[in-house]
Every structure is written in structure tokens, then in C-alpha cells.
N, C-alpha and C. Protein backbone atom coordinates (compact mmCIF):
# COMPACT_ATOMS: atom_id res chain seq x y z
N MET A 1 127.14 69.29 67.95
CA MET A 1 126.95 69.87 68.15
C MET A 1 125.96 70.10 67.39
N SER A 2 124.45 70.71 67.42
CA SER A 2 123.53 71.49 66.03
C SER A 2 123.47 73.00 66.90
N TYR A 3 124.21 73.21 65.86
CA TYR A 3 123.80 75.16 66.05
C TYR A 3 123.18 75.78 65.58
N LYS A 4 122.36 76.72 66.51
CA LYS A 4 121.48 77.59 66.17
C LYS A 4 121.41 78.84 65.36
N LEU A 5 122.48 78.89 65.28
CA LEU A 5 122.91 81.02 65.59
C LEU A 5 124.36 80.73 65.29
N ILE A 6 124.37 81.79 64.25
CA ILE A 6 125.81 82.26 63.89
C ILE A 6 125.91 83.98 63.96
N ILE A 7 126.57 85.19 64.73
CA ILE A 7 126.51 86.12 65.01
C ILE A 7 127.89 86.43 64.94
N ILE A 8 127.59 87.41 63.80
CA ILE A 8 129.02 88.43 63.70
C ILE A 8 129.55 89.36 64.22
N GLY A 9 130.31 89.81 64.77
CA GLY A 9 131.13 91.42 65.29
C GLY A 9 131.96 91.87 64.94
N CYS A 10 131.64 93.40 64.50
CA CYS A 10 132.87 94.32 64.01
C CYS A 10 132.41 95.73 63.81
N SER A 11 133.91 96.43 63.27
CA SER A 11 133.49 98.00 63.38
C SER A 11 134.12 98.12 62.01
N LEU A 12 135.67 98.84 62.25
CA LEU A 12 135.95 99.43 61.26
C LEU A 12 137.08 98.33 60.25
N GLY A 13 136.69 98.17 58.98
CA GLY A 13 137.22 98.10 58.28
C GLY A 13 136.30 96.24 58.30
N GLY A 14 134.96 96.15 58.98
CA GLY A 14 133.95 95.55 58.92
C GLY A 14 133.47 94.77 57.66
N LEU A 15 133.14 96.28 57.10
CA LEU A 15 132.22 95.69 55.35
C LEU A 15 133.19 94.40 54.30
N SER A 16 134.37 94.94 54.29
CA SER A 16 135.35 94.36 53.43
C SER A 16 135.57 92.90 53.65
N ALA A 17 135.46 92.40 55.23
CA ALA A 17 135.67 91.84 56.46
C ALA A 17 134.39 90.33 56.20
N THR A 18 133.65 91.33 56.10
CA THR A 18 132.41 90.82 56.06
C THR A 18 132.06 89.74 54.86
N LYS A 19 131.85 90.53 53.47
CA LYS A 19 131.88 90.06 52.23
C LYS A 19 133.22 88.94 52.57
N THR A 20 133.98 88.85 52.86
CA THR A 20 134.75 88.02 52.39
C THR A 20 134.59 86.25 53.04
N LEU A 21 133.85 86.38 54.49
CA LEU A 21 133.31 85.72 55.44
C LEU A 21 132.17 85.22 54.96
N LEU A 22 131.33 86.23 54.39
CA LEU A 22 129.82 85.60 53.76
C LEU A 22 130.22 84.56 52.57
N ALA A 23 131.05 85.14 51.86
CA ALA A 23 131.17 84.53 50.21
C ALA A 23 131.96 82.95 50.68
N GLY A 24 132.71 82.61 51.75
CA GLY A 24 132.93 81.53 52.48
C GLY A 24 132.20 80.28 52.64
N ILE A 25 131.03 81.12 53.51
CA ILE A 25 130.09 80.41 53.67
C ILE A 25 129.07 79.42 52.67
N SER A 26 129.02 78.37 52.77
CA SER A 26 128.57 77.45 52.25
C SER A 26 126.30 77.42 52.24
N ASP A 27 126.61 76.75 50.80
CA ASP A 27 124.44 76.83 50.57
C ASP A 27 124.46 76.11 51.20
N ASP A 28 125.11 75.00 51.87
CA ASP A 28 123.87 73.91 52.80
C ASP A 28 124.18 74.46 54.16
N CYS A 29 125.02 75.69 54.53
CA CYS A 29 124.72 76.07 56.04
C CYS A 29 124.02 77.19 56.39
N MET A 30 122.61 76.01 56.91
CA MET A 30 121.13 77.24 56.35
C MET A 30 120.95 77.40 57.89
N VAL A 31 121.80 77.96 58.79
CA VAL A 31 121.85 78.44 60.28
C VAL A 31 121.74 79.51 60.13
N PRO A 32 120.73 80.56 60.48
CA PRO A 32 120.48 81.85 60.54
C PRO A 32 121.88 82.47 61.03
N ILE A 33 121.67 83.99 60.61
CA ILE A 33 122.88 84.64 60.75
C ILE A 33 123.31 86.07 60.73
N ILE A 34 123.50 86.69 62.29
CA ILE A 34 123.29 88.31 62.85
C ILE A 34 124.79 88.83 62.21
N LEU A 35 124.38 89.84 62.14
CA LEU A 35 125.80 90.62 61.71
C LEU A 35 125.29 92.33 62.54
N ILE A 36 125.90 92.18 63.64
CA ILE A 36 126.48 93.58 64.42
C ILE A 36 127.44 93.97 63.83
N GLN A 37 127.53 94.97 62.77
CA GLN A 37 128.58 96.48 62.32
C GLN A 37 128.36 97.97 62.40
N HIS A 38 128.93 98.18 63.74
CA HIS A 38 129.56 99.38 63.94
C HIS A 38 129.42 100.66 62.99
N ARG A 39 128.34 101.31 63.19
CA ARG A 39 127.72 102.22 62.11
C ARG A 39 127.30 103.39 62.76
N GLU A 40 127.85 104.38 61.41
CA GLU A 40 127.37 106.22 62.62
C GLU A 40 125.96 105.96 62.70
N GLN A 41 125.19 106.66 63.31
CA GLN A 41 123.61 106.50 64.09
C GLN A 41 122.62 107.03 63.15
N LYS A 42 122.74 108.44 62.84
CA LYS A 42 121.84 108.92 61.78
C LYS A 42 121.85 109.25 60.72
N ALA A 43 123.11 109.51 60.80
CA ALA A 43 123.97 109.89 58.96
C ALA A 43 123.76 108.69 58.35
N GLU A 44 123.45 107.03 58.59
CA GLU A 44 123.55 106.08 58.06
C GLU A 44 122.19 105.09 57.84
N VAL A 45 121.28 106.21 58.42
CA VAL A 45 119.78 105.09 58.62
C VAL A 45 119.40 105.47 57.31
N SER A 46 119.65 106.19 56.00
CA SER A 46 118.97 106.33 54.97
C SER A 46 119.99 105.41 53.87
N MET A 47 121.04 104.85 54.83
CA MET A 47 121.97 103.77 54.08
C MET A 47 122.06 102.55 54.06
N ASP A 48 120.51 101.76 55.02
CA ASP A 48 120.83 100.87 55.26
C ASP A 48 120.36 100.05 54.20
N ASN A 49 119.60 100.02 53.02
CA ASN A 49 119.30 99.79 51.84
C ASN A 49 120.74 99.62 50.57
N VAL A 50 121.28 100.74 50.84
CA VAL A 50 122.60 100.34 49.93
C VAL A 50 123.68 99.18 50.85
N LEU A 51 123.84 99.72 52.00
CA LEU A 51 124.47 98.58 52.60
C LEU A 51 124.60 97.10 52.72
N THR A 52 122.60 97.01 52.63
CA THR A 52 122.01 95.75 52.41
C THR A 52 122.50 95.38 51.20
N ASN A 53 122.48 95.22 49.94
CA ASN A 53 122.33 95.56 48.48
C ASN A 53 123.95 95.04 48.43
N MET A 54 124.72 95.81 48.78
CA MET A 54 126.43 95.20 48.55
C MET A 54 126.24 94.13 48.70
N MET A 55 126.45 93.75 50.33
CA MET A 55 125.77 92.63 50.62
C MET A 55 125.89 91.23 50.24
N GLN A 56 124.76 91.59 49.29
CA GLN A 56 124.02 90.86 48.56
C GLN A 56 124.82 90.04 47.96
N ARG A 57 125.53 90.95 47.30
CA ARG A 57 126.09 90.15 46.29
C ARG A 57 126.63 88.65 46.41
N TYR A 58 127.25 89.02 47.65
CA TYR A 58 128.08 88.11 48.16
C TYR A 58 127.42 86.63 48.61
N THR A 59 126.75 86.41 48.50
CA THR A 59 125.74 85.49 49.09
C THR A 59 124.79 85.20 48.31
N LYS A 60 124.05 83.74 48.79
CA LYS A 60 122.58 83.83 47.79
C LYS A 60 121.54 83.86 49.06
N ARG A 61 122.02 84.15 50.22
CA ARG A 61 121.28 84.60 51.27
C ARG A 61 120.38 85.44 51.32
N GLN A 62 118.91 85.54 51.77
CA GLN A 62 118.27 86.84 51.69
C GLN A 62 118.64 87.32 53.21
N ILE A 63 118.97 88.49 52.75
CA ILE A 63 119.71 89.48 53.83
C ILE A 63 118.77 90.49 54.03
N GLU A 64 118.85 91.06 54.97
CA GLU A 64 117.68 91.69 55.59
C GLU A 64 117.76 92.68 56.26
N GLU A 65 117.36 93.91 56.29
CA GLU A 65 117.73 94.70 58.17
C GLU A 65 116.11 94.38 58.78
N ALA A 66 116.75 93.89 60.22
CA ALA A 66 115.78 93.16 60.94
C ALA A 66 115.41 95.11 62.11
N GLU A 67 114.10 94.43 61.55
CA GLU A 67 112.95 94.75 62.46
C GLU A 67 112.55 93.69 63.48
N ASP A 68 112.06 95.35 64.98
CA ASP A 68 111.72 94.56 66.05
C ASP A 68 110.81 93.13 65.78
N LYS A 69 110.36 92.22 66.51
CA LYS A 69 110.06 90.82 66.07
C LYS A 69 110.14 90.84 64.97
N THR A 70 111.08 91.01 64.14
CA THR A 70 111.66 90.08 62.74
C THR A 70 112.19 88.28 63.15
N PRO A 71 110.93 87.52 62.48
CA PRO A 71 111.36 86.08 63.24
C PRO A 71 112.50 85.43 62.26
N LEU A 72 113.52 84.69 63.25
CA LEU A 72 114.56 83.74 62.83
C LEU A 72 114.06 83.04 62.13
N ARG A 73 114.70 82.93 60.57
CA ARG A 73 114.48 81.85 59.30
C ARG A 73 116.00 81.32 59.02
N LEU A 74 115.75 80.30 59.03
CA LEU A 74 116.83 79.11 58.40
C LEU A 74 117.51 80.28 57.01
N ASN A 75 118.72 79.50 57.07
CA ASN A 75 118.54 80.53 55.49
C ASN A 75 119.06 81.89 55.09
N HIS A 76 118.32 82.52 56.50
CA HIS A 76 118.70 84.01 56.11
C HIS A 76 120.01 85.18 57.14
N ILE A 77 120.14 86.08 56.76
CA ILE A 77 120.80 86.81 57.17
C ILE A 77 120.45 88.30 57.29
N TYR A 78 120.55 88.79 59.15
CA TYR A 78 119.84 89.61 59.42
C TYR A 78 120.89 90.94 59.67
N LEU A 79 120.58 91.83 59.15
CA LEU A 79 121.44 93.49 59.79
C LEU A 79 121.09 94.30 60.48
N ALA A 80 121.69 94.23 62.09
CA ALA A 80 121.37 95.36 62.68
C ALA A 80 121.50 96.76 62.38
N PRO A 81 120.58 97.25 62.27
CA PRO A 81 120.24 98.24 61.84
C PRO A 81 120.72 99.71 62.46
N ALA A 82 120.79 100.65 61.95
CA ALA A 82 121.50 102.12 62.85
C ALA A 82 120.66 102.02 63.79
N ASP A 83 121.41 102.92 64.89
CA ASP A 83 121.07 103.19 65.93
C ASP A 83 119.75 102.19 66.95
N TYR A 84 120.19 101.36 66.84
CA TYR A 84 119.15 100.20 68.02
C TYR A 84 120.31 99.03 67.67
N HIS A 85 119.96 98.75 69.61
CA HIS A 85 120.54 97.32 69.64
C HIS A 85 120.03 96.63 69.53
N LEU A 86 120.26 95.17 69.11
CA LEU A 86 119.53 94.12 68.50
C LEU A 86 119.78 93.06 69.59
N LEU A 87 118.84 91.99 69.56
CA LEU A 87 118.20 91.19 70.95
C LEU A 87 117.97 89.92 70.47
N ILE A 88 118.42 89.14 70.37
CA ILE A 88 118.20 87.63 69.83
C ILE A 88 117.61 87.51 71.25
N GLU A 89 116.21 86.44 70.78
CA GLU A 89 115.10 86.04 71.55
C GLU A 89 115.23 84.96 70.93
N ARG A 90 113.96 84.03 70.74
CA ARG A 90 113.95 82.43 70.74
C ARG A 90 113.53 82.52 69.73
N GLU A 91 112.66 83.19 68.57
CA GLU A 91 112.35 82.76 67.47
C GLU A 91 112.05 83.96 66.33
N CYS A 92 112.84 85.40 67.35
CA CYS A 92 112.54 86.37 66.44
C CYS A 92 113.85 87.45 67.28
N VAL A 93 113.83 88.17 66.78
CA VAL A 93 114.31 89.31 67.12
C VAL A 93 114.03 90.97 67.50
N ALA A 94 114.80 91.15 68.63
CA ALA A 94 114.23 92.29 69.03
C ALA A 94 115.03 93.31 68.90
N LEU A 95 114.35 94.43 68.77
CA LEU A 95 115.31 96.22 68.67
C LEU A 95 115.09 96.74 70.27
N SER A 96 115.81 97.87 70.51
CA SER A 96 116.12 98.13 71.84
C SER A 96 116.83 99.57 71.58
N ALA A 97 116.15 100.66 71.99
CA ALA A 97 116.98 101.67 71.70
C ALA A 97 117.58 102.88 73.44
N ASP A 98 117.73 101.75 74.17
CA ASP A 98 119.04 101.98 75.65
C ASP A 98 119.93 102.65 74.80
N GLU A 99 120.21 102.85 76.19
CA GLU A 99 121.60 103.75 76.11
C GLU A 99 122.84 103.25 74.75
N PRO A 100 123.70 103.28 74.61
CA PRO A 100 124.71 103.28 73.74
C PRO A 100 125.69 102.56 74.81
N VAL A 101 126.17 101.37 74.83
CA VAL A 101 126.88 100.59 75.63
C VAL A 101 127.98 100.78 74.72
N THR A 102 129.47 100.99 75.67
CA THR A 102 130.72 100.83 74.89
C THR A 102 130.99 101.54 73.78
N TYR A 103 130.05 103.10 73.73
CA TYR A 103 129.71 104.31 72.74
C TYR A 103 129.38 103.54 71.69
N ALA A 104 128.59 102.85 71.61
CA ALA A 104 127.84 101.98 70.44
C ALA A 104 126.57 101.98 70.73
N ARG A 105 125.62 102.00 68.75
CA ARG A 105 124.19 101.24 69.16
C ARG A 105 124.47 101.33 68.10
N PRO A 106 124.21 99.81 67.04
CA PRO A 106 123.67 98.64 68.38
C PRO A 106 125.57 98.20 69.01
N SER A 107 125.45 97.25 70.24
CA SER A 107 126.39 97.14 70.58
C SER A 107 126.50 95.73 69.94
N ILE A 108 128.13 95.11 70.06
CA ILE A 108 127.92 93.70 69.63
C ILE A 108 128.16 92.95 71.05
N ASP A 109 128.72 93.72 72.36
CA ASP A 109 128.34 92.77 73.72
C ASP A 109 126.92 92.75 73.92
N VAL A 110 125.72 93.63 73.50
CA VAL A 110 124.40 93.21 73.92
C VAL A 110 124.34 91.91 73.19
N ALA A 111 124.79 92.08 71.92
CA ALA A 111 123.67 91.09 70.72
C ALA A 111 124.34 89.86 71.16
N PHE A 112 125.95 90.02 71.40
CA PHE A 112 126.33 88.70 72.18
C PHE A 112 125.71 87.85 72.84
N ASP A 113 125.66 88.89 74.09
CA ASP A 113 125.10 88.60 75.49
C ASP A 113 123.79 87.93 74.98
N SER A 114 122.93 88.59 74.75
CA SER A 114 121.43 88.12 73.99
C SER A 114 121.35 86.78 73.66
N ALA A 115 122.59 86.38 73.01
CA ALA A 115 122.29 85.58 71.95
C ALA A 115 123.33 84.34 72.27
N ALA A 116 123.68 84.75 73.69
CA ALA A 116 124.78 83.19 74.39
C ALA A 116 123.31 83.04 75.27
N ARG A 117 122.82 84.05 75.93
CA ARG A 117 121.16 83.58 77.24
C ARG A 117 120.63 82.57 76.83
N THR A 118 120.31 83.08 75.06
CA THR A 118 119.14 82.54 74.95
C THR A 118 119.26 80.99 73.96
N TYR A 119 120.60 80.77 73.53
CA TYR A 119 121.19 79.59 72.72
C TYR A 119 122.44 79.48 73.43
N GLY A 120 122.37 79.34 74.34
CA GLY A 120 123.83 78.49 74.95
C GLY A 120 124.80 77.63 73.83
N SER A 121 125.45 76.97 74.24
CA SER A 121 126.11 75.79 73.68
C SER A 121 125.95 75.84 71.88
N GLY A 122 124.46 76.40 71.87
CA GLY A 122 124.22 76.52 70.31
C GLY A 122 124.35 77.48 69.22
N VAL A 123 125.40 78.72 70.00
CA VAL A 123 126.10 79.64 69.43
C VAL A 123 127.35 80.02 69.30
N ILE A 124 127.55 80.09 67.25
CA ILE A 124 128.76 80.51 66.72
C ILE A 124 129.48 82.10 67.10
N GLY A 125 129.61 82.40 67.28
CA GLY A 125 130.21 83.52 68.01
C GLY A 125 131.57 84.28 66.48
N VAL A 126 131.66 85.49 65.87
CA VAL A 126 132.52 85.51 64.87
C VAL A 126 132.84 86.68 65.73
N ILE A 127 134.37 87.11 65.53
CA ILE A 127 134.98 88.42 66.11
C ILE A 127 136.07 89.04 64.99
N LEU A 128 135.04 89.72 64.05
CA LEU A 128 136.26 90.41 63.03
C LEU A 128 136.51 91.30 63.21
N THR A 129 137.91 92.34 62.44
CA THR A 129 138.45 93.88 62.33
C THR A 129 137.18 94.84 63.69
N GLY A 130 137.97 95.61 63.89
CA GLY A 130 137.21 96.44 65.41
C GLY A 130 138.10 97.51 66.03
N ALA A 131 137.60 98.47 65.82
CA ALA A 131 138.43 99.83 66.60
C ALA A 131 138.38 100.08 67.92
N SER A 132 136.94 99.60 68.48
CA SER A 132 137.18 99.39 69.63
C SER A 132 136.73 98.28 70.69
N ARG A 133 136.71 98.37 71.90
CA ARG A 133 136.52 96.45 72.34
C ARG A 133 135.32 96.32 72.75
N ASP A 134 134.42 96.53 71.55
CA ASP A 134 133.34 96.20 72.24
C ASP A 134 133.09 94.98 71.74
N GLY A 135 132.10 94.09 71.60
CA GLY A 135 132.33 92.60 71.42
C GLY A 135 133.21 91.86 72.21
N ALA A 136 134.18 91.76 73.20
CA ALA A 136 135.22 91.25 73.64
C ALA A 136 134.47 90.66 75.34
N ASP A 137 133.57 91.73 76.11
CA ASP A 137 133.14 90.38 76.92
C ASP A 137 131.88 90.16 76.51
N GLY A 138 130.75 90.58 75.49
CA GLY A 138 129.76 89.33 74.61
C GLY A 138 130.92 88.04 74.04
N ALA A 139 131.74 87.98 73.63
CA ALA A 139 132.12 86.95 73.31
C ALA A 139 132.82 86.25 74.51
N ALA A 140 133.19 86.55 75.51
CA ALA A 140 133.40 86.04 76.47
C ALA A 140 131.89 85.13 77.40
N SER A 141 131.06 85.95 77.33
CA SER A 141 129.60 85.27 77.34
C SER A 141 129.40 83.86 76.94
N ILE A 142 129.20 84.22 75.21
CA ILE A 142 129.07 83.38 74.64
C ILE A 142 129.80 81.97 75.21
N GLU A 143 131.35 82.20 75.69
CA GLU A 143 132.03 81.32 75.71
C GLU A 143 131.67 80.71 77.19
N LYS A 144 131.41 81.23 77.79
CA LYS A 144 131.26 81.01 79.29
C LYS A 144 129.39 79.85 79.00
N ARG A 145 128.85 80.24 78.42
CA ARG A 145 127.97 79.51 78.09
C ARG A 145 127.68 78.19 77.10
N GLY A 146 129.13 77.72 76.67
CA GLY A 146 129.42 76.79 75.76
C GLY A 146 129.38 77.00 74.48
N GLY A 147 129.39 78.56 73.70
CA GLY A 147 128.81 78.55 72.52
C GLY A 147 130.84 78.61 72.10
N LEU A 148 130.86 79.28 70.68
CA LEU A 148 131.91 78.47 69.95
C LEU A 148 132.52 80.18 69.98
N ILE A 149 134.08 80.43 69.87
CA ILE A 149 134.62 81.79 69.53
C ILE A 149 135.45 81.43 68.32
N ILE A 150 135.31 82.27 67.35
CA ILE A 150 135.67 82.19 66.25
C ILE A 150 136.55 83.46 65.99
N VAL A 151 138.10 84.14 66.01
CA VAL A 151 138.55 85.61 66.06
C VAL A 151 139.25 85.44 65.01
N GLN A 152 139.44 86.46 64.11
CA GLN A 152 140.30 86.67 63.00
C GLN A 152 141.60 87.15 63.83
N ASP A 153 142.46 87.08 63.13
CA ASP A 153 143.65 86.49 63.42
C ASP A 153 143.91 88.17 64.01
N PRO A 154 144.18 88.60 64.49
CA PRO A 154 144.89 90.59 64.50
C PRO A 154 145.80 90.84 64.19
N LEU A 155 146.40 89.93 63.63
CA LEU A 155 147.96 90.94 62.82
C LEU A 155 147.42 90.62 61.36
N ALA A 156 146.38 89.90 60.50
CA ALA A 156 145.70 90.48 59.50
C ALA A 156 144.49 91.17 59.87
N ALA A 157 143.96 91.55 60.64
CA ALA A 157 142.72 92.73 60.95
C ALA A 157 143.16 93.64 60.43
N GLU A 158 141.99 94.64 59.62
CA GLU A 158 142.48 95.87 59.52
C GLU A 158 142.98 96.88 61.03
N SER A 159 141.63 96.57 61.44
CA SER A 159 141.70 97.09 62.81
C SER A 159 141.60 96.15 64.21
N ASN A 160 143.04 95.78 64.76
CA ASN A 160 143.24 94.75 66.08
C ASN A 160 142.69 94.72 67.07
N THR A 161 142.55 96.07 67.08
CA THR A 161 141.97 96.25 68.46
C THR A 161 140.82 95.35 69.25
N LEU A 162 139.58 95.52 68.22
CA LEU A 162 138.71 94.18 68.97
C LEU A 162 139.07 92.86 68.58
N PRO A 163 139.73 92.06 67.36
CA PRO A 163 139.98 91.03 67.67
C PRO A 163 141.18 90.81 69.07
N LYS A 164 142.22 91.45 69.44
CA LYS A 164 143.24 91.36 69.91
C LYS A 164 142.49 91.59 71.98
N ALA A 165 141.24 92.76 72.22
CA ALA A 165 140.59 92.27 73.22
C ALA A 165 139.53 91.12 73.54
N ALA A 166 138.96 90.37 72.38
CA ALA A 166 138.34 88.68 72.23
C ALA A 166 139.00 88.28 72.39
N LEU A 167 140.53 88.27 72.67
CA LEU A 167 141.27 87.40 72.73
C LEU A 167 141.50 87.16 73.92
N ALA A 168 141.73 88.54 74.18
CA ALA A 168 142.10 88.35 75.92
C ALA A 168 141.23 88.50 76.84
N ALA A 169 139.81 88.19 76.19
CA ALA A 169 138.51 88.25 76.95
C ALA A 169 138.21 86.56 77.01
N THR A 170 138.48 85.93 76.39
CA THR A 170 138.16 84.50 76.23
C THR A 170 139.50 83.49 76.52
N LYS A 171 138.72 82.29 76.83
CA LYS A 171 140.16 81.08 77.55
C LYS A 171 140.15 80.36 76.20
N ASN A 172 139.60 79.71 75.13
CA ASN A 172 139.89 78.94 74.48
C ASN A 172 139.31 79.27 73.16
N PRO A 173 139.31 80.89 72.04
CA PRO A 173 138.81 81.32 71.19
C PRO A 173 139.84 80.25 70.09
N LYS A 174 139.11 80.67 68.76
CA LYS A 174 139.59 79.81 67.59
C LYS A 174 140.20 80.68 66.89
N ILE A 175 141.42 81.03 66.36
CA ILE A 175 142.39 82.62 65.57
C ILE A 175 142.17 81.86 64.30
N MET A 176 141.60 82.36 63.42
CA MET A 176 141.35 82.05 62.01
C MET A 176 142.03 82.99 61.26
N GLN A 177 142.38 83.28 60.09
CA GLN A 177 142.94 83.92 59.13
C GLN A 177 140.96 84.06 58.29
N LEU A 178 141.28 84.67 57.90
CA LEU A 178 139.25 85.60 57.05
C LEU A 178 138.78 84.96 56.60
N GLU A 179 139.95 84.57 55.38
CA GLU A 179 139.34 82.99 54.61
C GLU A 179 139.12 82.07 54.96
N GLU A 180 139.58 81.37 56.17
CA GLU A 180 139.48 79.92 56.19
C GLU A 180 137.87 80.15 57.56
N ILE A 181 137.79 80.96 57.73
CA ILE A 181 136.14 80.95 58.96
C ILE A 181 135.07 80.61 57.96
N GLY A 182 134.94 80.94 56.81
CA GLY A 182 133.37 80.96 56.21
C GLY A 182 133.67 78.99 56.19
N PRO A 183 134.99 78.77 55.66
CA PRO A 183 134.28 77.12 55.15
C PRO A 183 134.86 76.63 56.35
N TYR A 184 135.32 76.92 57.61
CA TYR A 184 134.76 76.05 59.11
C TYR A 184 133.63 76.20 59.20
N ILE A 185 133.14 77.30 59.27
CA ILE A 185 131.92 76.85 60.02
C ILE A 185 130.91 76.61 59.08
N SER A 186 130.99 76.20 57.69
CA SER A 186 130.02 75.22 57.14
C SER A 186 130.42 73.58 57.34
N ASN A 187 131.96 73.32 57.74
CA ASN A 187 132.09 72.06 58.11
C ASN A 187 131.45 71.85 59.39
N ILE A 188 131.63 72.48 60.05
CA ILE A 188 131.38 72.37 61.71
C ILE A 188 130.06 72.27 62.00
N VAL A 189 129.02 73.36 60.99
CA VAL A 189 127.29 73.14 61.08
C VAL A 189 126.87 72.03 60.38
N ARG A 190 127.63 71.09 59.06
CA ARG A 190 127.38 70.62 58.13
C ARG A 190 127.56 69.09 59.07
N GLU A 191 128.50 68.70 59.74
CA GLU A 191 128.70 67.63 60.84
C GLU A 191 127.62 67.97 61.77
N GLY A 192 127.75 68.97 62.72
CA GLY A 192 126.34 68.68 63.85
C GLY A 192 124.83 68.69 63.30
N GLY A 193 124.46 69.72 61.91
CA GLY A 193 123.60 69.76 61.74
C GLY A 193 122.90 71.00 62.16
N ALA A 194 122.03 71.80 61.51
CA ALA A 194 121.32 73.02 61.96
C ALA A 194 120.06 72.58 62.73
N SER A 195 120.09 73.17 63.86
CA SER A 195 118.88 73.09 64.76
C SER A 195 117.65 73.54 64.01
N ARG A 196 116.72 72.84 64.36
CA ARG A 196 115.62 72.66 63.99
C ARG A 196 114.60 74.53 65.05
N ALA A 197 115.32 74.39 65.49
CA ALA A 197 113.85 74.83 66.80
C ALA A 197 114.14 76.83 66.39
N SER A 198 114.75 76.87 65.00
CA SER A 198 114.76 78.66 64.74
C SER A 198 113.79 78.02 63.24
N ARG A 199 112.76 79.13 63.21
CA ARG A 199 111.72 78.89 61.92
C ARG A 199 112.13 78.55 60.56
N ALA A 200 112.00 77.40 60.15
CA ALA A 200 112.73 76.26 58.89
C ALA A 200 112.10 76.98 57.69
N THR A 201 111.59 78.08 57.85
CA THR A 201 110.49 79.01 56.03
C THR A 201 112.15 80.00 55.48
N SER A 202 112.45 79.43 54.54
CA SER A 202 113.29 80.26 53.91
C SER A 202 113.29 80.67 52.46
């Protein structure tokens, strides 16, 4: 399987979990990574650079706040901005100010569903800790189109609401400990090879 995109969804406890996940992904895993983290809307707009800089300490990949029509590049990580939905198109991301979904904007469901529609079986979707069920339907959408869903073990998650909802919504997810997810993704991407459908500038 040639994977084109890794997309991660989380909320409560997500920053700590994401640090561990990113640190575990090897440098030769070149697939673009999208991170959808629930955040307060207006209050955190000024904190975007702070969050990006904090996460940058745990990976050599370039992390950037996504803007409308930002190109998807190999070996880059894109963070959904506060108060916008993020959608994945063939070679770029798009932002939307549509109404919140499951009380969230950015919505994990919206981003996961758009990734599934665009890249189908080429998507790896990762569900981490979260305090709402936003992301469960998106995980089901990725699975339905042949993509892979990995869910953090709810028993070890800081908030198990989202992992449990994702497990209930999907049929064959991989349930893993947080520290196992990064190395596992690295291995399966290495075996399948990163698609060159996305822009290769890194």
C-alpha cells in the first residue's frame, strides 16, 4: 500500500499525546501529516505560533500553520488553525468558516472525511485522546474508503471519549499504545513507499 497522507485527530490531552506520536515517526517517513487539534476559537488565535514552536521541538519535519491553499509537501506537518475547518484537496489544503460540527471548528470529522474522499485507501487516520466524539464519524469514513484507522488505547488515553467513540464507529481499527503508533506508521509507510502524488518539495 502506498500511503499519501497521515491525519491525526485529538482534543483534550492532545498536545502531550501528539508530542509522543511525532517523536516516534522516523525521519524517512516522508508522507505529509495533518494535525487537527480542538482549540478554543478566538482566544487561541494569538497562540498559533507558540503551539507550532512547542511541537517543533519533537520533530525535524517543518511544522506550519495551514493557510487556505497551502500546498501539501512531503516531510511537512500542517496544523489546523483555530476557528477554521481544514479540508484536504488533491495537492493542497483549504480552509472553511462553515458552522461548527459537533461543536468544533476545526472539526476532526470534516477533515477526516475530506481526506477520505480525496485520497481513499491512501490515508492513515490516527485518533488520539479527546473529550468529545468528533472524529468518530470521520474515522468511519476513512475506513469505509479503504484507509487505515489507528486508535490510541482508550484505557491509556487522558480522555477516552473520542477513542471509545472511534472504536464503536469502525469495524477493524488498530488499537495501540501511544508510544507504539509512530514506529508502526514509519514501518508501514516504509514498506509501502510514500506516494509522489503530493508535491515533493521538502
